[in-house]
Protein backbone atom coordinates (compact mmCIF):
# COMPACT_ATOMS: atom_id res chain seq x y z
CA UNK A 1 -18.82 6.01 -23.93
CA UNK A 2 -15.69 5.47 -26.27
CA UNK A 3 -12.01 6.71 -25.46
CA UNK A 4 -12.83 9.84 -26.90
CA UNK A 5 -15.84 10.48 -24.85
CA UNK A 6 -14.19 9.39 -21.69
CA UNK A 7 -11.34 12.05 -21.91
CA UNK A 8 -13.62 14.85 -23.10
CA UNK A 9 -15.56 14.03 -19.65
CA UNK A 10 -12.55 14.33 -17.78
CA UNK A 11 -11.24 17.48 -19.32
CA UNK A 12 -14.19 18.88 -16.74
CA UNK A 13 -12.67 17.20 -13.44
CA UNK A 14 -10.83 20.10 -12.12
CA UNK A 15 -7.52 22.00 -13.48
CA UNK A 16 -5.33 19.92 -12.59
CA UNK A 17 -6.41 16.89 -14.44
CA UNK A 18 -7.58 19.23 -17.37
CA UNK A 19 -3.92 20.61 -17.67
CA UNK A 20 -2.10 17.43 -17.80
CA UNK A 21 -4.66 15.90 -20.14
CA UNK A 22 -4.17 18.53 -23.19
CA UNK A 23 -0.32 18.19 -22.69
CA UNK A 24 -0.93 14.90 -23.58
CA UNK A 25 -0.40 15.03 -28.05
CA UNK A 26 0.11 11.77 -28.43
CA UNK A 27 -3.15 9.99 -29.78
CA UNK A 28 -2.08 6.45 -28.41
CA UNK A 29 -1.43 7.56 -24.84
CA UNK A 30 -4.86 9.01 -24.77
CA UNK A 31 -5.86 6.17 -25.76
CA UNK A 32 -4.32 4.25 -23.49
CA UNK A 33 -5.28 6.14 -20.55
CA UNK A 34 -9.23 5.68 -22.03
CA UNK A 35 -9.97 3.33 -23.67
CA UNK A 36 -10.98 0.96 -19.96
CA UNK A 37 -11.63 2.09 -16.75
CA UNK A 38 -8.68 0.75 -14.40
CA UNK A 39 -9.92 -2.56 -13.14
CA UNK A 40 -10.69 -3.37 -9.07
CA UNK A 41 -9.74 -6.82 -9.32
CA UNK A 42 -9.02 -10.26 -7.37
CA UNK A 43 -5.91 -8.00 -6.26
CA UNK A 44 -6.86 -4.57 -6.03
CA UNK A 45 -6.17 -1.38 -8.06
CA UNK A 46 -3.15 -1.45 -9.83
CA UNK A 47 -1.35 1.16 -12.60
CA UNK A 48 0.17 3.78 -13.75
CA UNK A 49 -0.15 7.27 -11.98
CA UNK A 50 -1.47 9.85 -14.33
CA UNK A 51 -4.42 11.23 -15.15
CA UNK A 52 -7.15 9.16 -16.69
CA UNK A 53 -10.05 6.08 -16.10
CA UNK A 54 -7.03 3.99 -16.86
CA UNK A 55 -4.54 5.30 -14.42
CA UNK A 56 -4.03 5.54 -10.80
CA UNK A 57 -5.35 8.70 -9.73
CA UNK A 58 -7.50 10.55 -6.93
CA UNK A 59 -10.71 9.36 -8.19
CA UNK A 60 -9.89 6.04 -9.19
CA UNK A 61 -8.65 5.43 -5.33
CA UNK A 62 -11.33 7.21 -4.54
CA UNK A 63 -14.00 5.41 -6.57
CA UNK A 64 -12.79 1.82 -5.06
CA UNK A 65 -12.93 3.10 -1.80
CA UNK A 66 -15.89 4.40 -2.26
CA UNK A 67 -17.15 0.65 -3.75
CA UNK A 68 -15.08 -0.87 -0.47
CA UNK A 69 -17.50 1.61 1.99
CA UNK A 70 -20.52 0.68 0.31
CA UNK A 71 -19.54 -3.20 0.99
CA UNK A 72 -18.49 -2.60 4.22
CA UNK A 73 -21.76 -0.75 5.36
CA UNK A 74 -24.16 -3.18 3.31
CA UNK A 75 -22.33 -6.94 4.21
CA UNK A 76 -21.19 -6.36 8.12
CA UNK A 77 -22.86 -5.14 11.04
CA UNK A 78 -21.64 -3.12 13.92
CA UNK A 79 -19.25 -0.10 14.01
CA UNK A 80 -16.69 -0.57 10.95
CA UNK A 81 -12.92 0.45 10.72
CA UNK A 82 -10.44 0.18 8.38
CA UNK A 83 -6.60 0.30 8.62
CA UNK A 84 -4.62 1.64 5.92
CA UNK A 85 -0.33 1.70 5.34
CA UNK A 86 1.29 3.01 2.55
CA UNK A 87 5.08 2.67 1.05
CA UNK A 88 7.47 4.99 0.15
CA UNK A 89 6.04 5.20 -3.53
CA UNK A 90 5.44 8.88 -5.31
CA UNK A 91 1.41 10.10 -4.14
CA UNK A 92 1.20 6.29 -1.42
CA UNK A 93 0.85 9.44 1.12
CA UNK A 94 -1.85 11.31 -0.49
CA UNK A 95 -3.48 8.08 -1.78
CA UNK A 96 -3.50 6.79 1.58
CA UNK A 97 -4.98 10.37 2.73
CA UNK A 98 -8.05 10.10 -0.31
CA UNK A 99 -8.55 6.85 0.67
CA UNK A 100 -9.16 7.58 4.70
CA UNK A 101 -11.04 10.80 3.46
CA UNK A 102 -13.52 8.66 1.63
CA UNK A 103 -14.11 6.10 4.16
CA UNK A 104 -14.70 8.73 7.11
CA UNK A 105 -16.94 10.44 4.86
CA UNK A 106 -19.23 7.13 4.94
CA UNK A 107 -18.80 7.13 8.68
CA UNK A 108 -16.46 4.56 8.52
CA UNK A 109 -13.50 4.79 11.20
CA UNK A 110 -10.23 4.89 9.87
CA UNK A 111 -6.51 4.04 11.47
CA UNK A 112 -3.83 5.26 9.58
CA UNK A 113 -0.42 4.93 9.59
CA UNK A 114 1.44 8.47 10.39
CA UNK A 115 4.62 7.31 8.22
CA UNK A 116 5.64 4.63 5.33
CA UNK A 117 4.66 0.96 6.66
CA UNK A 118 5.63 -2.61 4.81
CA UNK A 119 2.22 -4.69 4.30
CA UNK A 120 3.29 -7.27 5.84
CA UNK A 121 2.52 -4.55 9.12
CA UNK A 122 -0.67 -3.82 7.64
CA UNK A 123 -1.66 -7.09 7.07
CA UNK A 124 -0.82 -7.94 10.89
CA UNK A 125 -2.41 -4.74 12.08
CA UNK A 126 -5.96 -4.65 10.24
CA UNK A 127 -6.00 -8.33 12.65
CA UNK A 128 -4.29 -6.93 15.87
CA UNK A 129 -6.51 -3.46 15.99
CA UNK A 130 -9.43 -5.42 15.27
CA UNK A 131 -10.21 -3.74 12.25
CA UNK A 132 -12.61 -4.71 9.29
CA UNK A 133 -10.85 -4.25 6.38
CA UNK A 134 -7.11 -3.03 5.41
CA UNK A 135 -6.00 -1.15 3.07
CA UNK A 136 -2.40 -0.71 1.75
CA UNK A 137 -1.07 1.63 -1.28
CA UNK A 138 1.65 0.10 -2.95
CA UNK A 139 3.28 -1.36 -6.29
CA UNK A 140 5.38 -3.42 -4.65
CA UNK A 141 8.42 -4.14 -6.69
CA UNK A 142 7.25 -2.27 -9.72
CA UNK A 143 8.80 0.39 -11.76
CA UNK A 144 8.68 4.11 -10.25
CA UNK A 145 5.42 5.09 -13.07
CA UNK A 146 3.15 2.38 -10.98
CA UNK A 147 0.92 2.64 -7.63
CA UNK A 148 -1.57 0.28 -6.35
CA UNK A 149 -4.19 -0.21 -3.27
CA UNK A 150 -4.02 -3.87 -1.92
CA UNK A 151 -7.18 -4.55 -0.17
CA UNK A 152 -7.30 -7.26 3.41
CA UNK A 153 -9.94 -8.92 5.32
CA UNK A 154 -10.45 -8.71 8.95
CA UNK A 155 -7.84 -11.46 9.37
CA UNK A 156 -5.44 -9.19 7.60
CA UNK A 157 -5.70 -11.53 3.88
CA UNK A 158 -5.80 -9.60 0.79
CA UNK A 159 -9.33 -10.69 -0.13
CA UNK A 160 -9.77 -13.25 -2.28
CA UNK A 161 -11.99 -14.00 -4.95
CA UNK A 162 -15.60 -15.03 -3.54
CA UNK A 163 -14.93 -12.03 -1.48
CA UNK A 164 -13.51 -9.65 -3.95
CA UNK A 165 -15.76 -10.09 -6.77
CA UNK A 166 -18.38 -8.87 -3.96
CA UNK A 167 -16.34 -5.69 -3.92
CA UNK A 168 -15.63 -5.50 -7.67
CA UNK A 169 -19.28 -5.30 -8.20
CA UNK A 170 -19.59 -2.63 -5.12
CA UNK A 171 -16.89 -0.38 -6.91
CA UNK A 172 -18.18 -1.03 -10.86
CA UNK A 173 -21.22 0.33 -9.22
CA UNK A 174 -19.55 3.83 -8.55
CA UNK A 175 -20.44 5.80 -11.70
CA UNK A 176 -19.66 9.47 -11.17
CA UNK A 177 -16.65 10.16 -9.80
CA UNK A 178 -16.83 13.72 -9.25
CA UNK A 179 -19.38 13.47 -6.58
CA UNK A 180 -17.19 10.40 -4.18
CA UNK A 181 -17.70 12.36 -0.48
CA UNK A 182 -14.28 13.49 1.01
CA UNK A 183 -13.82 14.59 4.58
CA UNK A 184 -11.41 16.05 5.77
CA UNK A 185 -9.75 14.06 7.97
CA UNK A 186 -9.24 17.00 10.63
CA UNK A 187 -12.78 17.23 10.90
CA UNK A 188 -12.95 13.67 10.77
CA UNK A 189 -10.49 13.12 14.12
CA UNK A 190 -12.66 15.28 16.12
CA UNK A 191 -15.47 13.48 15.38
CA UNK A 192 -13.88 10.52 16.49
CA UNK A 193 -13.46 9.07 12.84
CA UNK A 194 -9.90 9.02 12.18
CA UNK A 195 -7.08 7.79 14.31
CA UNK A 196 -3.11 8.25 13.18
CA UNK A 197 -1.36 4.97 14.23
CA UNK A 198 2.18 5.43 15.60
CA UNK A 199 5.12 3.00 16.87
CA UNK A 200 3.57 1.19 19.10
CA UNK A 201 1.82 -1.13 16.78
CA UNK A 202 5.43 -1.54 14.81
CA UNK A 203 6.77 -2.87 18.00
CA UNK A 204 3.95 -5.22 18.73
CA UNK A 205 4.62 -6.92 14.91
CA UNK A 206 8.08 -7.12 15.83
CA UNK A 207 7.68 -8.67 19.29
CA UNK A 208 5.42 -11.41 16.97
CA UNK A 209 8.21 -12.14 14.54
CA UNK A 210 10.71 -12.33 16.71
CA UNK A 211 8.95 -15.23 18.26
CA UNK A 212 9.99 -17.16 14.98
CA UNK A 213 13.81 -16.83 15.61
CA UNK A 214 15.31 -19.84 15.32
CA UNK A 215 19.15 -19.76 15.68
CA UNK A 216 20.90 -16.54 17.89
CA UNK A 217 24.57 -18.06 18.55
CA UNK A 218 26.42 -15.34 17.68
CA UNK A 219 28.54 -15.25 13.95
CA UNK A 220 31.39 -12.85 12.66
CA UNK A 221 29.42 -12.69 9.42
CA UNK A 222 29.33 -9.80 7.74
CA UNK A 223 26.14 -8.70 6.22
CA UNK A 224 25.44 -5.42 3.71
CA UNK A 225 21.31 -4.52 3.43
CA UNK A 226 19.58 -2.54 1.10
CA UNK A 227 15.85 -1.53 1.46
CA UNK A 228 15.86 -0.09 -2.21
CA UNK A 229 14.51 2.82 -1.24
CA UNK A 230 11.65 1.69 0.83
CA UNK A 231 9.79 0.16 4.09
CA UNK A 232 12.04 -2.07 4.91
CA UNK A 233 14.85 0.52 6.56
CA UNK A 234 13.53 0.60 9.99
CA UNK A 235 11.48 -2.61 10.99
CA UNK A 236 14.56 -4.47 8.98
CA UNK A 237 17.61 -2.98 10.81
CA UNK A 238 15.13 -3.32 14.63
CA UNK A 239 14.89 -7.27 13.75
CA UNK A 240 18.68 -7.59 13.12
CA UNK A 241 19.93 -5.61 16.28
CA UNK A 242 23.03 -7.16 17.16
CA UNK A 243 24.14 -8.19 13.60
CA UNK A 244 26.95 -6.58 11.88
CA UNK A 245 24.88 -4.93 8.89
CA UNK A 246 26.43 -2.56 6.83
CA UNK A 247 23.22 -0.49 5.43
CA UNK A 248 23.77 1.01 1.26
CA UNK A 249 23.42 4.70 2.24
CA UNK A 250 22.99 5.80 -1.37
CA UNK A 251 19.36 3.08 -1.06
CA UNK A 252 19.12 4.23 2.46
CA UNK A 253 16.30 6.46 2.88
CA UNK A 254 12.50 6.97 0.75
CA UNK A 255 12.70 7.39 -2.68
CA UNK A 256 9.58 7.34 -5.02
CA UNK A 257 11.53 7.49 -7.69
CA UNK A 258 14.17 4.43 -7.20
CA UNK A 259 16.81 6.96 -8.39
CA UNK A 260 19.38 4.54 -7.58
CA UNK A 261 18.01 1.59 -10.02
CA UNK A 262 16.40 0.87 -13.21
CA UNK A 263 13.22 -1.14 -11.34
CA UNK A 264 13.54 -1.60 -7.00
CA UNK A 265 12.56 -5.77 -7.53
CA UNK A 266 14.80 -7.54 -5.37
CA UNK A 267 14.28 -10.76 -7.97
CA UNK A 268 16.08 -8.63 -10.72
CA UNK A 269 20.53 -8.87 -10.47
CA UNK A 270 20.29 -4.99 -10.77
CA UNK A 271 18.50 -4.18 -8.45
CA UNK A 272 21.44 -5.42 -5.90
CA UNK A 273 24.18 -3.58 -7.96
CA UNK A 274 25.75 -1.06 -5.36
CA UNK A 275 24.72 -3.59 -2.28
CA UNK A 276 26.66 -6.17 -4.36
CA UNK A 277 29.60 -3.62 -4.53
CA UNK A 278 29.79 -2.38 -1.28
CA UNK A 279 30.08 -5.83 -0.14
CA UNK A 280 33.14 -6.71 -2.18
CA UNK A 281 34.20 -3.57 -1.18
CA UNK A 282 33.74 -4.46 2.42
CA UNK A 283 34.42 -8.33 2.36
CA UNK A 284 30.72 -9.01 3.05
CA UNK A 285 30.07 -12.68 3.47
CA UNK A 286 25.74 -12.23 2.81
CA UNK A 287 23.80 -9.46 0.64
CA UNK A 288 20.09 -9.35 0.76
CA UNK A 289 17.55 -6.06 -0.52
CA UNK A 290 13.72 -6.15 0.39
CA UNK A 291 11.62 -4.30 -2.18
CA UNK A 292 10.05 -1.27 -1.53
CA UNK A 293 6.60 -2.37 0.35
CA UNK A 294 9.16 -4.81 2.15
CA UNK A 295 7.13 -8.62 1.36
CA UNK A 296 10.03 -9.67 -1.13
CA UNK A 297 13.53 -10.46 -0.42
CA UNK A 298 16.54 -10.28 -2.87
CA UNK A 299 20.03 -12.46 -1.24
CA UNK A 300 23.20 -12.86 -3.07
CA UNK A 301 26.31 -14.75 -1.05
CA UNK A 302 29.95 -14.92 -1.44
CA UNK A 303 31.22 -18.19 -2.20
CA UNK A 304 34.55 -19.35 -3.74
CA UNK A 305 35.15 -15.52 -3.78
CA UNK A 306 32.58 -14.60 -5.36
CA UNK A 307 29.07 -13.25 -5.23
CA UNK A 308 26.05 -15.54 -6.28
CA UNK A 309 22.39 -14.83 -6.35
CA UNK A 310 20.15 -17.23 -5.29
CA UNK A 311 16.92 -17.75 -7.30
CA UNK A 312 13.48 -17.89 -5.22
CA UNK A 313 12.52 -21.16 -5.47
CA UNK A 314 16.40 -21.95 -4.43
CA UNK A 315 15.53 -19.69 -1.16
CA UNK A 316 12.36 -21.48 -0.68
CA UNK A 317 14.05 -24.52 -0.32
CA UNK A 318 16.78 -23.28 2.17
CA UNK A 319 14.43 -22.08 4.13
CA UNK A 320 11.99 -25.19 4.53
CA UNK A 321 15.38 -27.30 5.15
CA UNK A 322 16.50 -25.05 7.82
CA UNK A 323 13.28 -24.70 9.41
CA UNK A 324 11.86 -28.00 9.82
CA UNK A 325 15.64 -29.01 10.65
CA UNK A 326 14.95 -26.28 13.41
CA UNK A 327 11.76 -27.22 14.38
CA UNK A 328 11.83 -30.45 13.73
CA UNK A 329 11.42 -31.80 17.49
CA UNK A 330 7.79 -29.50 16.83
CA UNK A 331 6.30 -30.71 13.97
CA UNK A 332 3.45 -33.26 14.32
CA UNK A 333 0.84 -35.14 11.78
CA UNK A 334 -1.04 -31.59 11.32
CA UNK A 335 2.05 -29.78 10.10
CA UNK A 336 1.76 -28.20 6.53
CA UNK A 337 3.84 -26.43 3.97
CA UNK A 338 2.19 -24.50 1.30
CA UNK A 339 3.41 -23.87 -2.43
CA UNK A 340 1.86 -21.99 -5.15
CA UNK A 341 1.18 -24.44 -8.44
CA UNK A 342 4.10 -22.34 -10.34
CA UNK A 343 6.73 -22.97 -7.61
CA UNK A 344 9.11 -25.49 -7.49
CA UNK A 345 8.74 -29.11 -5.90
CA UNK A 346 11.94 -29.17 -4.18
CA UNK A 347 10.93 -27.41 -1.18
CA UNK A 348 7.66 -29.68 -0.85
CA UNK A 349 10.31 -32.40 -1.04
CA UNK A 350 11.81 -31.74 1.61
CA UNK A 351 9.03 -31.14 3.17
CA UNK A 352 7.85 -34.42 2.89
CA UNK A 353 10.77 -36.09 4.19
CA UNK A 354 9.86 -34.25 7.28
CA UNK A 355 6.40 -35.85 7.21
CA UNK A 356 4.54 -32.52 6.34
CA UNK A 357 1.13 -31.95 4.57
CA UNK A 358 1.90 -29.96 1.39
CA UNK A 359 -0.46 -28.24 -0.01
CA UNK A 360 -0.79 -26.35 -3.01
CA UNK A 361 -2.52 -23.07 -4.33
CA UNK A 362 -2.93 -20.86 -7.40
CA UNK A 363 -0.45 -17.70 -7.99
CA UNK A 364 -0.58 -14.90 -5.17
CA UNK A 365 -0.03 -14.83 -1.36
CA UNK A 366 -3.53 -14.71 -0.68
CA UNK A 367 -4.28 -17.97 -1.11
CA UNK A 368 -1.88 -18.96 0.93
CA UNK A 369 -3.31 -16.06 3.46
CA UNK A 370 -6.50 -17.86 2.81
CA UNK A 371 -5.80 -21.95 3.90
CA UNK A 372 -3.56 -20.05 7.23
CA UNK A 373 -7.63 -18.61 7.90
CA UNK A 374 -8.69 -22.27 6.94
CA UNK A 375 -6.67 -24.26 9.53
CA UNK A 376 -7.32 -21.87 12.30
CA UNK A 377 -10.95 -22.05 12.02
CA UNK A 378 -11.04 -26.18 11.56
CA UNK A 379 -7.88 -27.08 13.41
CA UNK A 380 -7.50 -29.53 10.77
CA UNK A 381 -3.97 -28.58 9.59
CA UNK A 382 -1.22 -26.08 11.12
CA UNK A 383 0.55 -24.06 9.41
CA UNK A 384 4.54 -23.89 9.12
CA UNK A 385 5.63 -22.21 6.50
CA UNK A 386 4.41 -21.01 2.85
CA UNK A 387 6.19 -19.79 -0.24
CA UNK A 388 5.70 -18.37 -3.52
CA UNK A 389 8.96 -18.58 -6.73
CA UNK A 390 8.68 -14.44 -6.66
CA UNK A 391 10.40 -14.31 -3.20
CA UNK A 392 7.88 -14.44 -1.37
CA UNK A 393 8.26 -16.34 1.95
CA UNK A 394 5.99 -15.97 5.75
CA UNK A 395 6.55 -18.41 8.31
CA UNK A 396 4.66 -17.84 11.79
CA UNK A 397 1.04 -16.48 11.43
CA UNK A 398 1.33 -13.19 12.50
CA UNK A 399 0.87 -11.94 9.23
CA UNK A 400 -0.97 -13.39 6.21
CA UNK A 401 0.98 -12.01 3.26
CA UNK A 402 4.52 -12.60 2.25
CA UNK A 403 7.01 -10.75 5.22
CA UNK A 404 10.26 -9.67 4.36
CA UNK A 405 11.12 -9.01 7.71
CA UNK A 406 10.49 -12.63 9.44
CA UNK A 407 12.21 -13.92 6.24
CA UNK A 408 14.97 -11.12 6.65
CA UNK A 409 15.54 -12.11 10.28
CA UNK A 410 15.36 -15.82 9.19
CA UNK A 411 17.84 -15.93 6.50
CA UNK A 412 20.28 -14.31 8.39
CA UNK A 413 19.79 -16.57 10.76
CA UNK A 414 20.13 -19.42 8.31
CA UNK A 415 23.45 -17.93 6.90
CA UNK A 416 24.95 -17.36 10.68
CA UNK A 417 24.54 -21.20 11.22
CA UNK A 418 25.93 -22.32 7.75
CA UNK A 419 29.01 -20.01 8.68
CA UNK A 420 29.63 -21.15 11.86
CA UNK A 421 29.67 -24.29 10.29
CA UNK A 422 32.36 -22.92 7.36
CA UNK A 423 29.75 -23.66 5.21
CA UNK A 424 28.00 -20.96 2.53
CA UNK A 425 24.36 -20.92 1.86
CA UNK A 426 25.86 -22.38 -1.79
CA UNK A 427 26.91 -25.27 -0.34
CA UNK A 428 23.83 -25.70 1.97
CA UNK A 429 21.87 -26.20 -1.05
CA UNK A 430 24.52 -27.92 -2.97
CA UNK A 431 24.42 -30.60 -0.38
CA UNK A 432 19.96 -30.43 -0.96
CA UNK A 433 20.71 -31.22 -4.65
CA UNK A 434 22.85 -34.09 -3.47
CA UNK A 435 19.88 -35.39 -1.58
CA UNK A 436 17.02 -34.67 -3.47
CA UNK A 437 18.01 -33.88 -7.01
CA UNK A 438 18.90 -31.36 -8.91
CA UNK A 439 16.33 -28.93 -10.10
CA UNK A 440 17.01 -25.90 -12.35
CA UNK A 441 14.01 -23.05 -12.08
CA UNK A 442 13.84 -20.19 -14.50
CA UNK A 443 11.19 -17.50 -15.38
CA UNK A 444 10.45 -15.59 -18.85
CA UNK A 445 8.22 -12.49 -19.11
CA UNK A 446 6.82 -10.77 -22.25
CA UNK A 447 5.95 -7.43 -21.38
CA UNK A 448 2.57 -6.35 -24.00
CA UNK A 449 1.40 -3.31 -23.20
CA UNK A 450 -2.33 -1.88 -24.47
CA UNK A 451 -5.18 -3.29 -26.54
CA UNK A 452 -2.81 -4.67 -28.41
CA UNK A 453 -1.08 -6.26 -26.45
CA UNK A 454 -3.78 -7.60 -24.23
CA UNK A 455 -5.11 -9.03 -27.71
CA UNK A 456 -2.08 -10.94 -27.73
CA UNK A 457 -1.58 -13.04 -24.96
CA UNK A 458 -5.22 -13.97 -24.76
CA UNK A 459 -4.36 -15.13 -28.72
CA UNK A 460 -1.21 -17.17 -27.02
CA UNK A 461 -3.26 -18.22 -24.34
CA UNK A 462 -5.93 -19.81 -26.64
CA UNK A 463 -3.13 -21.24 -28.89
CA UNK A 464 -1.48 -23.38 -26.35
CA UNK A 465 -4.96 -24.21 -24.83
CA UNK A 466 -5.77 -25.65 -28.75
CA UNK A 467 -2.29 -26.75 -29.67
CA UNK A 468 0.02 -26.80 -26.82
CA UNK A 469 0.04 -30.58 -26.45
CA UNK A 470 1.37 -30.77 -30.06
CA UNK A 471 4.20 -28.22 -29.26
CA UNK A 472 6.22 -30.49 -27.09
CA UNK A 473 7.60 -33.76 -26.67
CA UNK A 474 7.25 -36.76 -23.88
CA UNK A 475 4.46 -34.75 -22.07
CA UNK A 476 2.69 -36.65 -19.57
CA UNK A 477 0.22 -34.43 -18.24
CA UNK A 478 -1.30 -31.24 -19.44
CA UNK A 479 -3.41 -28.94 -16.30
CA UNK A 480 -6.12 -26.50 -17.10
CA UNK A 481 -6.59 -24.14 -14.39
CA UNK A 482 -9.68 -22.29 -15.83
CA UNK A 483 -11.88 -25.10 -15.80
CA UNK A 484 -11.82 -25.53 -11.81
CA UNK A 485 -9.17 -28.14 -10.46
CA UNK A 486 -10.09 -29.70 -7.24
CA UNK A 487 -10.81 -26.61 -4.73
CA UNK A 488 -9.01 -24.52 -6.50
CA UNK A 489 -10.98 -21.21 -7.93
CA UNK A 490 -11.15 -21.27 -12.02
CA UNK A 491 -7.45 -19.41 -13.05
CA UNK A 492 -6.08 -18.44 -16.33
CA UNK A 493 -2.97 -20.73 -15.90
CA UNK A 494 -1.95 -23.74 -18.30
CA UNK A 495 0.71 -26.15 -16.85
CA UNK A 496 2.37 -29.03 -18.73
CA UNK A 497 4.41 -31.82 -16.70
CA UNK A 498 6.90 -34.07 -18.54
CA UNK A 499 7.84 -37.33 -18.36
CA UNK A 500 10.51 -36.42 -15.86
CA UNK A 501 8.72 -33.89 -13.87
CA UNK A 502 9.95 -31.46 -14.81
CA UNK A 503 7.46 -29.07 -16.21
CA UNK A 504 6.17 -25.64 -17.57
CA UNK A 505 3.49 -23.21 -16.82
CA UNK A 506 2.41 -20.19 -18.84
CA UNK A 507 -0.06 -17.51 -17.21
CA UNK A 508 -0.78 -13.76 -17.64
CA UNK A 509 -0.10 -11.25 -15.08
CA UNK A 510 -3.36 -10.73 -12.85
CA UNK A 511 -1.93 -7.36 -11.94
CA UNK A 512 0.30 -6.28 -15.09
CA UNK A 513 0.24 -6.34 -18.91
CA UNK A 514 2.37 -9.33 -19.19
CA UNK A 515 2.57 -13.10 -20.08
CA UNK A 516 4.81 -15.22 -17.84
CA UNK A 517 6.62 -18.50 -18.55
CA UNK A 518 8.00 -20.57 -15.38
CA UNK A 519 9.99 -23.30 -16.29
CA UNK A 520 10.88 -26.03 -13.67
CA UNK A 521 13.66 -28.47 -14.77
CA UNK A 522 14.57 -32.18 -12.91
CA UNK A 523 17.79 -33.73 -14.11
CA UNK A 524 20.66 -35.76 -11.69
CA UNK A 525 22.95 -33.54 -14.41
CA UNK A 526 23.45 -29.99 -14.19
CA UNK A 527 24.27 -30.00 -17.96
CA UNK A 528 21.70 -31.84 -18.97
CA UNK A 529 18.89 -29.59 -17.41
CA UNK A 530 20.49 -26.58 -18.89
CA UNK A 531 20.24 -27.94 -22.38
CA UNK A 532 16.96 -29.14 -21.22
CA UNK A 533 15.94 -25.63 -19.82
CA UNK A 534 17.48 -23.45 -23.31
CA UNK A 535 15.79 -26.26 -25.79
CA UNK A 536 11.68 -25.68 -24.17
CA UNK A 537 13.19 -22.34 -24.00
CA UNK A 538 13.97 -21.21 -27.56
CA UNK A 539 10.66 -23.39 -28.63
CA UNK A 540 8.66 -21.11 -26.34
CA UNK A 541 9.72 -18.08 -27.61
CA UNK A 542 9.43 -19.15 -31.30
CA UNK A 543 5.75 -19.87 -30.54
CA UNK A 544 5.19 -16.43 -28.49
CA UNK A 545 7.45 -14.04 -30.69
CA UNK A 546 6.78 -15.71 -34.26
């Protein structure tokens, strides 16, 4: 069917959907809602909420869940069960209930959190309760219009392509969206198919996180924290009990509209505006925020009288240096650090100096989780920590996803450690640069929406694939990950490495209509590094926007 035919079909689904669709007067808006089905990809579902085939709604969530149910029934023996959690976004609770109803209607037992819960807690819960799979309803750090549906395996790891592709086939086989079965949860509970999850599993998660504690000396450091209206408020405050923590009251409570920020993304400076203002007023030493599903952390620190934000790559290097120094007596020949291919090499070089193995994965924490699963199965390596440049870190194996709860604990402990030495995290970073060299990292994101945007992204990637070697000087190596590199799955990523070790990487986002360009510049001189970055950046912008 073309988009107009799909639109006409959806007008027959229910009165609420019909009313929403009939109220749309913009033909381009109708086209965008129906020109394709919202794809169930290797990261699950993610999209703008609303009526339509290309939106997050009751029908697309139910379709995905029916496909999952068919997958579990066909591929697994014995009793099947699924743990479900959700964040503070609009409709997240209702989407979680829809998913539970569909699974129960298929005879699959459901454990559903009775309140909002971080993504890493769902990862832990899936394995802790012995479930066959896990679901979390979240769009992580995306703007308020978005929601999403992440799927986890029995170990609490997001499905990697080998398994996700099987689920995708089952999801795509669900063609009649109005006939997906639902079971009322009261009926499901009476039949033993539905169990609410209380606070006891969160307590078990926090106990597992506390085992990663590295520094508990008393400190007078003053800290400001914002949960950005999300799920971090309760678990982060519990894990930091005993520390002097000031909460940003305006952002303390759940709010699916994220009404105090443009976007609840701690990677972006303006998300921490209120926290920084409060820190200045209270003369705090450390500021941090967690995103709505509490898997990412953004940090600012007072240094020489002003607050400076720490990038994802810088925090990765700082945590690597801190964790390995604190654990140096426990390290052995199996100890391993995992990073993604678009993450700076600084943390990896620090880890090498401690004798660690370095493993690189594709972008997406599911690949780091997959490696942890492999190490536990094979015993050939031991996971110490893993991270990606997009402000996501994991220390310990209690989860198989990035975890801002354990990160919050360790960042505060690390800041306290240096505070007690009369240093800030910026001082610590400068010590790292003095020892390992200066690294300047940056990210550009080009938002290209709709059919035209998707075509432009494809055209840009083709242009770089065919002509990229002529765009820049001093290229030492070009890696096209779409061809499959080593044991890595094929992925639409291009990486250009220069003679001095600097590099750029280009990839379309897997979950949003965006093209991302990553830069990592190495130079002993900070001014030279900035000049190099600006020259490469200007060249790239002229190519992409030209």
